[in-house]
Amino acid sequence: MKFTHADFDRFIPWLDQHRGELSVLVHADTGDNLADHTTHACWLDDAVELDLRMFR
């Protein structure tokens, strides 16, 4: 799901409150998939190990 920077402050707290037991990865969409899923990423709850081979 994509959302804008303007929606971030409303959407992330809502998502965190409604995610239940899920760990959710929130990341930028800069066009650099590896950086977006690592450097520009934020986890709601515990991080899950990602298979990043497709981005290398």
Protein backbone atom coordinates (compact mmCIF):
# COMPACT_ATOMS: atom_id res chain seq x y z
CA MET A 1 0.00 0.00 0.00
CA LYS A 2 1.35 3.42 -0.90
CA PHE A 3 0.60 6.55 1.06
CA THR A 4 1.91 10.08 0.86
CA HIS A 5 4.19 11.93 3.24
CA ALA A 6 1.18 14.05 4.24
CA ASP A 7 -0.70 10.91 5.37
CA PHE A 8 2.21 9.48 7.38
CA ASP A 9 1.42 11.13 10.73
CA ARG A 10 -2.16 9.83 10.69
CA PHE A 11 -1.69 6.48 9.01
CA ILE A 12 1.27 5.01 10.93
CA PRO A 13 -0.30 5.38 14.41
CA TRP A 14 -3.55 3.89 13.04
CA LEU A 15 -1.65 1.00 11.43
CA ASP A 16 0.33 0.36 14.60
CA GLN A 17 -2.86 0.27 16.66
CA HIS A 18 -4.69 -2.08 14.26
CA ARG A 19 -1.91 -4.46 13.16
CA GLY A 20 -2.72 -7.00 15.88
CA GLU A 21 0.09 -9.53 16.27
CA LEU A 22 1.61 -8.70 12.89
CA SER A 23 5.02 -7.17 12.38
CA VAL A 24 4.72 -4.51 9.69
CA LEU A 25 7.53 -3.12 7.55
CA VAL A 26 7.07 0.49 6.53
CA HIS A 27 9.57 1.81 4.00
CA ALA A 28 10.26 4.59 1.56
CA ASP A 29 9.80 4.22 -2.19
CA THR A 30 12.92 5.90 -3.55
CA GLY A 31 13.53 3.52 -6.44
CA ASP A 32 16.44 1.84 -4.63
CA ASN A 33 14.71 -1.33 -3.42
CA LEU A 34 17.60 -2.57 -1.30
CA ALA A 35 17.95 0.74 0.56
CA ASP A 36 14.17 1.10 0.84
CA HIS A 37 13.88 -2.29 2.58
CA THR A 38 16.93 -1.74 4.84
CA THR A 39 18.20 1.82 5.36
CA HIS A 40 14.86 3.55 4.78
CA ALA A 41 12.78 0.94 6.64
CA CYS A 42 10.97 1.02 9.96
CA TRP A 43 9.32 -1.95 11.68
CA LEU A 44 6.15 -1.81 13.73
CA ASP A 45 6.84 -4.54 16.33
CA ASP A 46 9.66 -7.07 15.94
CA ALA A 47 11.70 -7.02 12.76
CA VAL A 48 11.43 -10.07 10.54
CA GLU A 49 14.43 -11.31 8.59
CA LEU A 50 13.94 -10.46 4.93
CA ASP A 51 15.29 -12.34 1.94
CA LEU A 52 16.98 -9.43 0.15
CA ARG A 53 18.67 -11.48 -2.57
CA MET A 54 16.28 -10.18 -5.24
CA PHE A 55 17.56 -6.64 -4.63
CA ARG A 56 21.27 -7.41 -5.01
